[in-house]
N, C-alpha and C. Protein backbone atom coordinates (compact mmCIF):
# COMPACT_ATOMS: atom_id res chain seq x y z
N MET A 1 2.73 17.28 -20.40
CA MET A 1 2.87 15.84 -20.08
C MET A 1 1.98 15.08 -19.14
N LYS A 2 1.67 13.84 -19.47
CA LYS A 2 0.75 13.23 -18.86
C LYS A 2 1.42 12.59 -18.10
N PRO A 3 0.62 12.93 -16.51
CA PRO A 3 1.27 12.28 -15.04
C PRO A 3 1.61 10.99 -15.32
N ASN A 4 2.79 10.33 -13.96
CA ASN A 4 2.87 9.10 -14.37
C ASN A 4 1.71 8.55 -13.66
N LYS A 5 1.66 7.06 -14.26
CA LYS A 5 0.64 6.26 -13.85
C LYS A 5 0.77 5.67 -12.46
N TYR A 6 2.18 5.03 -12.44
CA TYR A 6 2.43 4.39 -11.09
C TYR A 6 3.50 4.96 -10.56
N PRO A 7 3.62 4.94 -9.45
CA PRO A 7 5.04 5.42 -8.53
C PRO A 7 6.10 4.41 -8.77
N LEU A 8 7.28 4.48 -9.05
CA LEU A 8 8.40 3.49 -9.34
C LEU A 8 9.06 3.19 -7.93
N SER A 9 9.53 2.22 -7.83
CA SER A 9 10.38 2.03 -6.79
C SER A 9 11.35 0.73 -7.29
N LEU A 10 12.54 1.64 -7.12
CA LEU A 10 13.74 0.46 -7.68
C LEU A 10 14.24 -0.67 -6.62
N TYR A 11 14.38 -1.69 -7.16
CA TYR A 11 15.03 -2.73 -6.09
C TYR A 11 16.45 -3.35 -6.55
N PHE A 12 17.35 -3.29 -5.52
CA PHE A 12 18.60 -3.36 -5.91
C PHE A 12 19.06 -4.83 -5.07
N GLY A 13 19.22 -6.32 -5.46
CA GLY A 13 19.42 -7.10 -4.80
C GLY A 13 20.87 -7.75 -5.03
N GLY A 14 21.51 -8.27 -3.59
CA GLY A 14 22.70 -8.57 -3.68
C GLY A 14 23.22 -8.87 -2.52
N THR A 15 24.40 -9.82 -2.47
CA THR A 15 25.26 -10.00 -0.84
C THR A 15 25.47 -9.03 -0.44
N PHE A 16 25.99 -7.52 -1.08
CA PHE A 16 26.57 -6.41 -0.24
C PHE A 16 27.15 -6.74 0.62
N ASN A 17 28.21 -7.60 0.43
CA ASN A 17 29.38 -8.09 1.61
C ASN A 17 30.90 -7.66 1.07
N PRO A 18 31.12 -6.26 1.27
CA PRO A 18 30.31 -4.74 1.94
C PRO A 18 29.40 -4.23 0.82
N ILE A 19 28.34 -3.51 1.71
CA ILE A 19 27.86 -2.45 0.32
C ILE A 19 29.25 -1.28 0.24
N HIS A 20 29.32 -1.06 -1.07
CA HIS A 20 30.16 0.01 -1.13
C HIS A 20 29.57 1.29 -2.54
N ASN A 21 30.85 2.42 -2.54
CA ASN A 21 30.60 3.50 -3.37
C ASN A 21 29.80 2.90 -4.99
N GLY A 22 30.31 1.88 -5.22
CA GLY A 22 30.21 1.58 -6.46
C GLY A 22 28.78 0.86 -6.76
N HIS A 23 28.15 0.42 -5.58
CA HIS A 23 26.81 -0.06 -5.69
C HIS A 23 26.01 1.22 -5.42
N LEU A 24 25.98 2.19 -4.58
CA LEU A 24 25.19 3.44 -4.42
C LEU A 24 25.23 4.29 -5.50
N GLN A 25 26.46 4.49 -6.16
CA GLN A 25 26.42 5.38 -7.30
C GLN A 25 25.68 4.75 -8.30
N CYS A 26 25.98 3.31 -8.74
CA CYS A 26 25.12 2.94 -9.94
C CYS A 26 23.71 2.85 -9.45
N ALA A 27 23.06 2.59 -8.16
CA ALA A 27 21.46 2.96 -7.64
C ALA A 27 21.20 4.41 -8.25
N PHE A 28 22.08 5.41 -7.51
CA PHE A 28 21.45 6.74 -7.54
C PHE A 28 21.45 7.19 -9.30
N GLU A 29 22.35 6.66 -9.90
CA GLU A 29 22.39 7.20 -11.28
C GLU A 29 20.97 6.77 -12.10
N ILE A 30 20.85 5.04 -11.90
CA ILE A 30 19.46 4.48 -12.17
C ILE A 30 18.34 5.04 -11.81
N ALA A 31 18.29 5.61 -10.76
CA ALA A 31 17.10 5.87 -10.00
C ALA A 31 17.00 7.24 -10.64
N GLU A 32 17.87 8.34 -10.88
CA GLU A 32 17.65 9.69 -11.59
C GLU A 32 17.07 9.31 -12.64
N GLN A 33 17.80 8.51 -13.64
CA GLN A 33 17.63 8.06 -14.95
C GLN A 33 15.61 7.57 -15.14
N ILE A 34 15.22 6.63 -14.51
CA ILE A 34 14.18 6.46 -14.56
C ILE A 34 13.10 7.06 -13.55
N ALA A 35 13.62 7.83 -12.78
CA ALA A 35 12.58 8.77 -12.17
C ALA A 35 11.84 7.61 -10.97
N ALA A 36 12.72 7.06 -10.05
CA ALA A 36 12.18 5.84 -8.94
C ALA A 36 12.26 7.13 -7.70
N THR A 37 11.14 6.73 -7.27
CA THR A 37 10.76 7.69 -5.78
C THR A 37 11.39 6.81 -4.60
N GLN A 38 11.57 5.39 -4.65
CA GLN A 38 12.44 4.76 -3.73
C GLN A 38 13.23 4.04 -4.33
N ILE A 39 14.83 3.64 -3.41
CA ILE A 39 15.53 2.76 -3.77
C ILE A 39 15.94 1.64 -2.69
N TYR A 40 15.38 0.41 -2.91
CA TYR A 40 15.18 -0.86 -2.04
C TYR A 40 16.18 -1.60 -1.83
N LEU A 41 17.50 -1.57 -0.77
CA LEU A 41 18.46 -2.17 -0.97
C LEU A 41 17.87 -3.63 -0.65
N LEU A 42 18.06 -4.72 -0.98
CA LEU A 42 17.50 -6.07 -0.95
C LEU A 42 18.59 -7.24 -0.86
N PRO A 43 19.48 -7.16 0.53
CA PRO A 43 20.61 -7.98 0.62
C PRO A 43 19.86 -9.43 0.82
N ASN A 44 20.51 -10.36 0.19
CA ASN A 44 20.00 -11.95 0.14
C ASN A 44 20.79 -12.88 1.18
N TYR A 45 19.96 -13.80 1.43
CA TYR A 45 20.67 -14.70 2.64
C TYR A 45 21.58 -15.73 2.03
N ILE A 46 21.01 -16.45 1.14
CA ILE A 46 21.97 -17.77 0.79
C ILE A 46 21.49 -17.27 -0.96
N PRO A 47 22.64 -16.60 -1.32
CA PRO A 47 22.46 -16.42 -3.05
C PRO A 47 22.60 -17.84 -3.65
N PRO A 48 21.76 -18.03 -4.83
CA PRO A 48 22.25 -19.42 -5.60
C PRO A 48 23.01 -19.13 -6.23
N HIS A 49 23.54 -18.20 -6.94
CA HIS A 49 24.86 -18.30 -7.49
C HIS A 49 26.26 -18.08 -7.13
N LYS A 50 26.39 -17.64 -5.77
CA LYS A 50 27.38 -17.62 -5.21
C LYS A 50 27.40 -18.41 -3.76
N ALA A 51 28.70 -18.43 -3.28
CA ALA A 51 29.26 -19.10 -1.70
C ALA A 51 28.59 -18.05 -0.80
N THR A 52 27.94 -19.10 0.38
CA THR A 52 27.56 -18.12 1.62
C THR A 52 28.40 -17.42 2.10
N PRO A 53 28.02 -16.29 2.33
CA PRO A 53 28.96 -15.07 3.03
C PRO A 53 29.40 -15.57 4.03
N ASN A 54 30.55 -15.58 4.78
CA ASN A 54 31.11 -15.83 6.21
C ASN A 54 30.28 -14.95 7.16
N GLU A 55 30.21 -13.54 6.89
CA GLU A 55 29.49 -12.67 7.60
C GLU A 55 27.73 -13.14 7.72
N SER A 56 27.37 -12.69 8.69
CA SER A 56 26.18 -12.87 9.24
C SER A 56 25.10 -12.18 8.35
N ALA A 57 23.92 -12.62 8.20
CA ALA A 57 22.92 -11.81 7.93
C ALA A 57 22.75 -10.48 8.40
N GLN A 58 22.64 -10.38 10.02
CA GLN A 58 22.47 -9.57 10.52
C GLN A 58 23.41 -8.12 10.29
N GLN A 59 24.75 -8.86 10.24
CA GLN A 59 25.85 -7.74 9.74
C GLN A 59 25.63 -7.37 8.41
N ARG A 60 25.30 -7.79 7.49
CA ARG A 60 25.51 -7.43 6.30
C ARG A 60 24.37 -6.44 6.12
N ALA A 61 22.82 -6.64 6.71
CA ALA A 61 21.92 -5.90 6.94
C ALA A 61 22.11 -4.52 7.44
N GLU A 62 22.97 -4.80 8.80
CA GLU A 62 23.51 -3.66 9.56
C GLU A 62 24.59 -2.60 8.67
N LEU A 63 25.27 -3.13 7.80
CA LEU A 63 26.19 -2.59 6.75
C LEU A 63 25.19 -1.65 5.76
N CYS A 64 24.31 -2.15 5.30
CA CYS A 64 23.24 -1.68 4.38
C CYS A 64 22.53 -0.57 5.14
N ARG A 65 21.83 -1.11 6.27
CA ARG A 65 21.30 0.31 7.07
C ARG A 65 21.92 1.43 7.41
N THR A 66 23.38 1.46 7.52
CA THR A 66 24.22 2.56 7.92
C THR A 66 24.35 3.46 6.82
N THR A 67 23.89 2.87 5.54
CA THR A 67 23.95 3.65 4.17
C THR A 67 22.60 4.42 4.18
N LEU A 68 21.47 4.40 5.11
CA LEU A 68 19.79 5.06 4.72
C LEU A 68 20.11 6.45 4.90
N SER A 69 21.14 7.27 5.72
CA SER A 69 20.94 8.32 6.25
C SER A 69 21.73 9.19 4.82
N ILE A 70 22.15 8.46 3.96
CA ILE A 70 22.79 9.01 2.62
C ILE A 70 21.87 9.93 2.01
N ASP A 71 20.77 9.13 1.68
CA ASP A 71 19.72 9.75 0.49
C ASP A 71 18.37 9.58 1.20
N SER A 72 17.53 10.21 1.30
CA SER A 72 15.88 10.21 1.69
C SER A 72 15.20 9.05 0.79
N ARG A 73 15.65 8.79 -0.48
CA ARG A 73 14.96 7.53 -1.30
C ARG A 73 15.50 6.06 -0.50
N LEU A 74 16.65 6.06 0.00
CA LEU A 74 17.34 4.60 0.32
C LEU A 74 16.51 3.80 1.51
N LYS A 75 16.06 2.88 1.16
CA LYS A 75 15.19 2.02 2.12
C LYS A 75 15.91 0.69 2.30
N LEU A 76 15.72 -0.07 3.30
CA LEU A 76 16.23 -1.46 3.27
C LEU A 76 15.24 -2.65 3.58
N ASP A 77 14.85 -3.54 2.80
CA ASP A 77 14.22 -4.60 2.59
C ASP A 77 14.70 -6.10 3.15
N THR A 78 14.67 -6.67 4.10
CA THR A 78 15.19 -7.50 4.65
C THR A 78 14.53 -8.98 4.53
N ARG A 79 13.35 -8.91 3.53
CA ARG A 79 12.44 -10.26 3.74
C ARG A 79 13.65 -11.50 3.04
N GLU A 80 14.61 -10.93 2.38
CA GLU A 80 15.46 -12.37 1.84
C GLU A 80 16.66 -12.79 2.97
N LEU A 81 16.64 -12.19 3.73
CA LEU A 81 17.61 -12.27 4.89
C LEU A 81 16.96 -13.10 6.19
N GLU A 82 15.16 -12.80 6.22
CA GLU A 82 14.89 -13.70 7.13
C GLU A 82 14.29 -15.00 6.58
N LYS A 83 14.72 -15.43 5.59
CA LYS A 83 14.55 -17.10 4.79
C LYS A 83 15.61 -17.71 5.29
N THR A 84 15.39 -18.74 5.31
CA THR A 84 16.38 -20.13 5.55
C THR A 84 16.60 -20.80 4.50
N SER A 85 16.26 -20.83 3.44
CA SER A 85 16.62 -21.10 2.01
C SER A 85 17.19 -20.56 1.06
N PRO A 86 17.53 -20.92 0.11
CA PRO A 86 18.30 -19.90 -1.19
C PRO A 86 17.23 -18.91 -1.68
N SER A 87 17.41 -17.51 -1.84
CA SER A 87 16.77 -16.36 -2.32
C SER A 87 16.86 -16.81 -3.91
N TYR A 88 15.41 -16.89 -4.36
CA TYR A 88 15.10 -16.88 -5.60
C TYR A 88 14.51 -15.63 -5.92
N THR A 89 15.15 -15.06 -7.00
CA THR A 89 14.59 -13.34 -6.97
C THR A 89 12.98 -13.60 -7.66
N ILE A 90 12.61 -14.59 -8.40
CA ILE A 90 11.37 -14.79 -9.22
C ILE A 90 10.14 -14.77 -7.84
N GLU A 91 10.70 -15.57 -6.46
CA GLU A 91 9.59 -15.85 -5.31
C GLU A 91 9.59 -14.37 -4.89
N THR A 92 10.70 -13.39 -4.79
CA THR A 92 10.64 -12.20 -4.11
C THR A 92 9.57 -11.13 -5.06
N LEU A 93 9.97 -11.30 -6.35
CA LEU A 93 9.26 -10.62 -7.19
C LEU A 93 7.60 -10.33 -6.95
N LYS A 94 7.14 -11.81 -7.14
CA LYS A 94 6.04 -12.29 -6.94
C LYS A 94 5.19 -11.40 -5.68
N GLN A 95 6.26 -11.57 -4.57
CA GLN A 95 5.73 -11.00 -2.95
C GLN A 95 5.43 -9.51 -3.44
N LEU A 96 6.33 -9.05 -3.96
CA LEU A 96 6.46 -7.47 -4.12
C LEU A 96 5.35 -7.20 -4.97
N HIS A 97 4.77 -7.82 -5.95
CA HIS A 97 3.68 -7.48 -7.17
C HIS A 97 2.46 -7.60 -6.25
N ARG A 98 2.17 -8.66 -5.35
CA ARG A 98 1.03 -8.78 -4.37
C ARG A 98 1.07 -7.60 -3.54
N GLU A 99 2.06 -7.20 -2.93
CA GLU A 99 1.72 -6.56 -1.68
C GLU A 99 1.82 -4.86 -2.17
N PHE A 100 2.32 -4.78 -3.56
CA PHE A 100 2.05 -3.32 -3.69
C PHE A 100 1.52 -3.01 -5.29
N PRO A 101 0.09 -3.35 -5.29
CA PRO A 101 -0.66 -3.32 -6.25
C PRO A 101 -1.02 -2.04 -7.09
N GLN A 102 -0.61 -1.09 -6.28
CA GLN A 102 -0.50 0.45 -6.85
C GLN A 102 0.93 0.88 -7.38
N HIS A 103 1.92 0.17 -7.34
CA HIS A 103 3.14 0.54 -7.53
C HIS A 103 3.90 -0.40 -8.76
N ALA A 104 4.69 0.31 -9.33
CA ALA A 104 5.81 -0.31 -10.25
C ALA A 104 6.93 -0.85 -9.72
N ILE A 105 7.55 -1.79 -9.93
CA ILE A 105 8.41 -2.33 -9.51
C ILE A 105 9.58 -2.40 -10.51
N ALA A 106 10.97 -1.87 -10.32
CA ALA A 106 11.98 -2.23 -11.18
C ALA A 106 13.28 -2.87 -10.33
N PHE A 107 13.56 -3.82 -11.03
CA PHE A 107 14.57 -4.58 -10.68
C PHE A 107 15.75 -4.58 -11.22
N MET A 108 16.51 -3.90 -10.24
CA MET A 108 17.99 -4.08 -11.04
C MET A 108 18.84 -4.72 -11.18
N ILE A 109 19.81 -4.98 -12.50
CA ILE A 109 20.67 -6.21 -12.31
C ILE A 109 21.87 -5.84 -13.52
N GLY A 110 23.02 -6.15 -13.50
CA GLY A 110 24.22 -5.79 -14.16
C GLY A 110 24.19 -6.61 -15.62
N MET A 111 24.85 -6.02 -16.19
CA MET A 111 25.16 -6.72 -17.61
C MET A 111 25.74 -7.96 -17.66
N ASP A 112 26.19 -8.43 -16.39
CA ASP A 112 26.80 -9.73 -16.42
C ASP A 112 25.34 -10.62 -15.92
N SER A 113 24.74 -10.20 -15.38
CA SER A 113 23.73 -10.99 -15.05
C SER A 113 22.63 -10.95 -15.77
N LEU A 114 22.38 -10.10 -16.90
CA LEU A 114 21.66 -10.37 -17.76
C LEU A 114 22.50 -11.67 -18.87
N GLN A 115 23.77 -11.70 -18.76
CA GLN A 115 24.26 -12.67 -20.00
C GLN A 115 24.27 -14.01 -19.47
N THR A 116 23.72 -14.07 -18.11
CA THR A 116 23.72 -15.42 -17.54
C THR A 116 22.00 -15.42 -17.18
N LEU A 117 21.13 -14.77 -17.80
CA LEU A 117 19.75 -14.41 -17.11
C LEU A 117 18.85 -15.84 -17.05
N ASP A 118 19.52 -16.74 -18.30
CA ASP A 118 18.65 -17.88 -18.42
C ASP A 118 19.04 -19.06 -17.39
N THR A 119 20.25 -19.03 -16.93
CA THR A 119 20.42 -19.95 -15.25
C THR A 119 19.51 -19.52 -14.20
N TRP A 120 18.61 -18.50 -14.05
CA TRP A 120 17.97 -17.90 -13.11
C TRP A 120 16.76 -18.79 -12.94
N SER A 121 16.18 -18.83 -11.63
CA SER A 121 14.88 -19.66 -11.93
C SER A 121 13.64 -18.91 -12.51
N HIS A 122 12.78 -19.94 -13.54
CA HIS A 122 11.58 -18.95 -14.12
C HIS A 122 12.06 -17.72 -14.81
N TRP A 123 13.37 -17.72 -15.40
CA TRP A 123 13.91 -16.42 -15.60
C TRP A 123 12.68 -15.48 -17.13
N GLN A 124 12.45 -16.40 -17.76
CA GLN A 124 11.64 -15.51 -18.91
C GLN A 124 10.24 -15.28 -18.24
N SER A 125 9.92 -15.27 -16.80
CA SER A 125 9.08 -14.70 -16.09
C SER A 125 9.12 -13.58 -14.90
N LEU A 126 10.12 -13.22 -15.08
CA LEU A 126 10.87 -12.35 -14.41
C LEU A 126 9.89 -10.98 -14.50
N THR A 127 9.76 -10.63 -15.83
CA THR A 127 9.03 -9.50 -16.46
C THR A 127 7.58 -9.48 -16.00
N ASP A 128 6.98 -10.57 -15.78
CA ASP A 128 5.76 -10.92 -15.19
C ASP A 128 4.98 -10.26 -14.20
N TYR A 129 6.22 -9.55 -13.28
CA TYR A 129 6.21 -9.03 -11.92
C TYR A 129 6.93 -7.84 -11.94
N CYS A 130 7.87 -7.64 -12.53
CA CYS A 130 8.75 -6.59 -12.65
C CYS A 130 9.09 -5.98 -14.10
N HIS A 131 9.81 -4.56 -13.91
CA HIS A 131 10.70 -4.12 -15.00
C HIS A 131 12.04 -4.73 -14.63
N LEU A 132 12.85 -4.88 -15.52
CA LEU A 132 14.19 -4.91 -15.51
C LEU A 132 14.77 -3.99 -15.63
N VAL A 133 16.00 -3.61 -14.94
CA VAL A 133 16.61 -2.27 -15.40
C VAL A 133 18.25 -2.78 -15.05
N VAL A 134 19.02 -2.85 -16.29
CA VAL A 134 19.95 -3.27 -16.63
C VAL A 134 20.99 -2.47 -16.76
N ALA A 135 22.18 -2.45 -15.44
CA ALA A 135 23.27 -1.38 -15.56
C ALA A 135 24.38 -1.39 -16.45
N ARG A 136 24.27 -1.02 -17.41
CA ARG A 136 25.39 -0.98 -18.47
C ARG A 136 26.50 -0.42 -18.06
N ARG A 137 27.39 -0.61 -17.09
CA ARG A 137 28.40 0.24 -16.81
C ARG A 137 29.39 0.59 -17.70
N GLY A 138 29.70 2.02 -18.08
CA GLY A 138 30.53 2.53 -18.89
C GLY A 138 29.65 2.40 -20.24
N GLY A 139 28.42 2.42 -20.42
CA GLY A 139 27.86 2.28 -21.95
C GLY A 139 28.29 0.69 -22.37
N TYR A 140 28.90 -0.40 -21.55
CA TYR A 140 29.48 -1.51 -21.90
C TYR A 140 28.05 -2.46 -22.72
N ASN A 141 28.21 -2.97 -24.02
CA ASN A 141 27.43 -3.76 -24.51
C ASN A 141 27.80 -4.91 -24.80
N SER A 142 27.33 -6.12 -24.41
CA SER A 142 27.85 -7.53 -24.32
C SER A 142 26.85 -8.31 -25.44
N VAL A 143 27.63 -9.55 -25.88
CA VAL A 143 26.75 -10.55 -26.57
C VAL A 143 25.96 -11.45 -25.71
N LEU A 144 24.84 -11.53 -26.32
CA LEU A 144 24.06 -12.62 -25.57
C LEU A 144 23.73 -13.56 -26.36
N ASN A 145 23.51 -14.60 -25.37
CA ASN A 145 22.98 -15.91 -26.18
C ASN A 145 21.54 -15.61 -27.07
N PRO A 146 21.25 -16.48 -27.99
CA PRO A 146 20.22 -16.34 -28.88
C PRO A 146 18.82 -16.22 -27.88
N GLN A 147 18.66 -17.38 -26.83
CA GLN A 147 17.33 -16.98 -26.12
C GLN A 147 17.33 -15.86 -25.33
N ILE A 148 18.36 -15.36 -24.72
CA ILE A 148 18.37 -14.32 -23.74
C ILE A 148 18.37 -13.04 -24.78
N ASN A 149 19.17 -12.99 -25.91
CA ASN A 149 18.65 -11.77 -26.75
C ASN A 149 16.93 -12.03 -27.28
N GLU A 150 16.60 -12.86 -27.70
CA GLU A 150 14.92 -12.72 -27.96
C GLU A 150 14.30 -12.28 -26.82
N TYR A 151 14.49 -12.63 -26.02
CA TYR A 151 13.58 -12.19 -24.69
C TYR A 151 13.93 -10.79 -24.40
N LEU A 152 15.36 -10.09 -24.37
CA LEU A 152 15.64 -8.75 -24.58
C LEU A 152 14.45 -8.04 -25.49
N GLN A 153 14.46 -8.73 -27.11
CA GLN A 153 14.06 -7.90 -27.87
C GLN A 153 12.51 -8.05 -27.51
N GLN A 154 11.80 -8.61 -27.19
CA GLN A 154 10.42 -9.00 -26.92
C GLN A 154 9.91 -8.01 -26.00
N HIS A 155 10.97 -7.23 -25.07
CA HIS A 155 10.54 -6.71 -23.86
C HIS A 155 11.32 -5.35 -23.69
N GLN A 156 12.20 -5.22 -24.57
CA GLN A 156 13.22 -4.07 -24.39
C GLN A 156 12.11 -2.69 -24.50
N THR A 157 12.40 -1.56 -23.98
CA THR A 157 11.93 -0.45 -24.22
C THR A 157 13.24 0.57 -24.09
N MET A 158 13.18 1.64 -25.06
CA MET A 158 14.00 2.82 -24.87
C MET A 158 13.50 3.95 -24.22
N ASN A 159 12.69 4.12 -23.76
CA ASN A 159 11.48 4.96 -23.23
C ASN A 159 11.15 4.70 -21.69
N GLN A 160 12.33 5.73 -20.66
CA GLN A 160 11.85 5.26 -19.58
C GLN A 160 10.78 5.65 -19.08
N GLN A 161 9.78 6.67 -19.41
CA GLN A 161 8.46 6.56 -19.02
C GLN A 161 7.52 5.61 -19.08
N ASP A 162 7.99 4.49 -20.07
CA ASP A 162 7.00 3.17 -20.18
C ASP A 162 6.87 2.75 -18.86
N LEU A 163 8.15 2.84 -17.95
CA LEU A 163 8.61 2.08 -16.87
C LEU A 163 7.47 2.70 -15.40
N THR A 164 6.77 3.87 -15.92
CA THR A 164 5.73 4.29 -15.13
C THR A 164 4.25 4.06 -15.47
N ALA A 165 4.44 3.73 -16.50
CA ALA A 165 3.13 3.40 -17.64
C ALA A 165 2.29 1.97 -17.39
N LYS A 166 3.37 1.29 -16.75
CA LYS A 166 2.75 0.11 -16.82
C LYS A 166 3.44 -0.67 -15.32
N ARG A 167 3.05 -1.54 -14.64
CA ARG A 167 3.53 -2.11 -13.73
C ARG A 167 4.54 -2.97 -13.78
N HIS A 168 4.71 -3.44 -15.12
CA HIS A 168 5.89 -4.76 -15.20
C HIS A 168 5.89 -5.02 -16.83
N GLY A 169 7.20 -5.88 -17.14
CA GLY A 169 6.62 -5.97 -18.52
C GLY A 169 7.93 -5.65 -19.52
N TYR A 170 8.87 -4.51 -19.31
CA TYR A 170 9.62 -4.13 -19.91
C TYR A 170 11.08 -4.35 -19.44
N ILE A 171 12.23 -4.32 -20.07
CA ILE A 171 13.70 -4.32 -19.95
C ILE A 171 14.16 -3.14 -20.49
N TYR A 172 14.87 -2.25 -19.66
CA TYR A 172 15.63 -1.03 -19.82
C TYR A 172 16.89 -1.27 -19.71
N LEU A 173 17.66 -0.82 -20.83
CA LEU A 173 19.29 -0.73 -20.45
C LEU A 173 19.60 0.53 -20.32
N SER A 174 20.48 0.57 -19.26
CA SER A 174 20.73 2.07 -18.29
C SER A 174 21.82 2.34 -18.46
N ASP A 175 22.71 3.40 -18.71
CA ASP A 175 23.92 3.71 -18.81
C ASP A 175 24.42 4.08 -17.58
N THR A 176 25.38 3.71 -17.04
CA THR A 176 25.94 4.19 -15.47
C THR A 176 27.37 4.15 -15.59
N SER A 177 28.03 4.97 -14.50
CA SER A 177 29.37 5.17 -14.53
C SER A 177 30.03 3.77 -14.10
N MET A 178 31.43 3.45 -14.62
CA MET A 178 32.15 2.34 -14.50
C MET A 178 32.97 2.74 -13.25
N LEU A 179 32.82 2.41 -12.07
CA LEU A 179 33.67 2.74 -11.00
C LEU A 179 34.34 1.20 -10.54
N GLN A 180 35.33 1.22 -10.69
CA GLN A 180 36.59 -0.02 -10.41
C GLN A 180 36.54 -0.19 -8.91
N ILE A 181 35.44 -0.76 -8.52
CA ILE A 181 35.13 -1.10 -7.05
C ILE A 181 34.56 -2.46 -6.90
N SER A 182 35.05 -3.34 -6.10
CA SER A 182 34.23 -4.44 -5.66
C SER A 182 34.49 -5.07 -4.68
N SER A 183 33.35 -5.75 -3.96
CA SER A 183 33.39 -6.17 -2.78
C SER A 183 34.79 -6.91 -2.36
N SER A 184 34.47 -8.07 -3.29
CA SER A 184 35.87 -8.67 -3.13
C SER A 184 37.21 -7.89 -2.65
N LYS A 185 37.49 -7.13 -3.77
CA LYS A 185 38.76 -6.44 -3.56
C LYS A 185 38.62 -5.71 -1.90
N ILE A 186 37.74 -5.11 -1.61
CA ILE A 186 37.24 -4.40 -0.43
C ILE A 186 37.67 -5.26 0.54
N ARG A 187 37.37 -6.59 0.65
CA ARG A 187 37.56 -7.54 1.70
C ARG A 187 38.75 -8.27 1.87
N GLU A 188 39.62 -8.19 0.43
CA GLU A 188 41.11 -8.40 0.21
C GLU A 188 41.75 -7.24 1.37
N ARG A 189 41.63 -6.06 1.20
CA ARG A 189 42.27 -4.91 1.63
C ARG A 189 41.91 -5.28 3.00
N TYR A 190 40.82 -5.34 3.45
CA TYR A 190 40.69 -5.40 4.65
C TYR A 190 41.54 -6.53 5.41
N LYS A 191 41.67 -7.57 4.82
CA LYS A 191 42.58 -8.54 5.43
C LYS A 191 43.74 -8.49 5.69
N LYS A 192 44.27 -7.63 4.62
CA LYS A 192 46.02 -6.77 4.71
C LYS A 192 46.15 -5.66 5.17
N GLY A 193 45.00 -5.18 6.07
CA GLY A 193 44.95 -4.04 7.00
C GLY A 193 45.20 -2.95 6.09
N LEU A 194 44.94 -2.72 4.97
CA LEU A 194 44.80 -1.51 4.01
C LEU A 194 43.63 -0.72 4.05
N ASN A 195 43.93 0.85 4.05
CA ASN A 195 42.54 1.55 3.76
C ASN A 195 41.90 1.61 2.89
N CYS A 196 40.61 1.33 3.15
CA CYS A 196 39.43 1.40 2.33
C CYS A 196 38.31 2.34 2.54
N ALA A 197 38.57 3.59 3.17
CA ALA A 197 37.62 4.59 3.51
C ALA A 197 37.09 5.26 2.21
N CYS A 198 37.75 5.44 1.06
CA CYS A 198 37.75 6.06 -0.30
C CYS A 198 36.71 5.08 -1.05
N LEU A 199 36.40 4.10 -0.56
CA LEU A 199 35.95 2.74 -1.47
C LEU A 199 34.41 2.74 -0.85
N LEU A 200 34.22 3.23 0.16
CA LEU A 200 32.61 2.82 0.75
C LEU A 200 32.24 3.97 1.65
N PRO A 201 31.01 3.94 1.91
CA PRO A 201 30.66 5.30 2.93
C PRO A 201 31.34 5.09 4.49
N THR A 202 31.54 6.38 4.97
CA THR A 202 32.31 6.42 6.13
C THR A 202 31.52 5.45 7.37
N ALA A 203 30.38 5.64 7.54
CA ALA A 203 29.75 4.59 8.04
C ALA A 203 29.56 3.03 8.09
N VAL A 204 30.25 2.81 7.02
CA VAL A 204 30.08 1.30 6.49
C VAL A 204 31.54 1.19 7.01
N ASN A 205 32.66 1.98 6.74
CA ASN A 205 33.71 1.69 7.23
C ASN A 205 33.92 1.93 8.81
N ASP A 206 33.20 2.58 9.40
CA ASP A 206 33.30 2.71 10.89
C ASP A 206 32.78 1.57 11.37
N TYR A 207 31.51 0.74 10.92
CA TYR A 207 30.98 -0.34 11.56
C TYR A 207 31.89 -1.89 11.12
N ILE A 208 32.44 -1.88 9.92
CA ILE A 208 33.41 -2.77 9.84
C ILE A 208 34.54 -2.87 10.59
N MET A 209 35.05 -1.72 10.86
CA MET A 209 36.11 -1.47 11.86
C MET A 209 36.17 -1.75 13.53
N LYS A 210 34.95 -1.49 13.53
CA LYS A 210 34.19 -1.66 14.85
C LYS A 210 34.16 -3.09 15.06
N HIS A 211 33.41 -3.86 14.17
CA HIS A 211 33.46 -5.03 14.68
C HIS A 211 34.19 -5.84 14.06
N SER A 212 35.47 -5.58 13.51
CA SER A 212 36.35 -6.36 13.00
C SER A 212 36.44 -7.09 11.86
N LEU A 213 35.42 -6.93 10.89
CA LEU A 213 34.77 -7.85 9.82
C LEU A 213 36.08 -7.94 8.78
N TYR A 214 36.04 -8.91 8.23
CA TYR A 214 36.75 -9.25 7.08
C TYR A 214 38.18 -9.21 7.63
N GLN A 215 38.64 -9.23 8.58
CA GLN A 215 39.88 -8.90 8.98
C GLN A 215 40.72 -10.28 9.33
N ALA A 216 39.69 -11.58 8.97
CA ALA A 216 40.59 -12.62 9.22
C ALA A 216 39.78 -13.56 8.51
N ASP A 217 40.37 -14.73 7.77
CA ASP A 217 39.45 -15.63 7.11
C ASP A 217 38.57 -16.24 8.05
C-alpha cells in the first residue's frame, strides 16, 4: 500500500457550550475512520448561526481544555475565540491552509449543517481549502436541496484514502454513532440541579460545578 502523502488533521468547530460525550465520541469515530493523526477542537467566539453564549470565551476554552488529557490526539485551537467579530469558517480554513502547507485539513460538520450549507459564507469555496467530513449520525441520510446536492456530487468520495492523497477538495460522508446528548439539554439539567455526570467527561463536569456555570439564567 502506498504511504499517505499528507498527514491529516481533523478540525471540529462549534460553541461547545458545554462540550460533552456526544461531541467527543463522534470526533473519535471519524478520526479512526479517516486516519486523522490530530483532532483539533475549534470553539468559536460569535457563531453567525447561533445566539452569542452567556458563558465567556475563556470559560468555554477551559471546558475544552479539560478534555485534552482523554486522548493524545486532542488539541485546542483558540484562534476563533481570539476574534472580536463573527467566526466565518471560510476565513479560518484559509488561515489553516496557509499555515500548514504540508498537511491535509478535514473539517467536520453534521448532516444538519450540510443541509443548510448554502447559508454559509462562500460555501462553495470551502473545499478549496479543506476536505469536508460529514457526521452522518446513525447512518442518517437527508434530502438536500438541488444546489447542495450538486456540490456534494461534484466533490464526494467514498474512499477515505483520498483525504490523505490531496490537501483539499473532497466531501466524505462518515457514519457515526447516534448519542442522544445535546448541549442545550445539559444546560437545562444544570439549571434544574440535575446530575449530568454521565453526559460529559468528569473534568468538564467538575469545572462546571466549581464555577457554577449554567446554574442560573
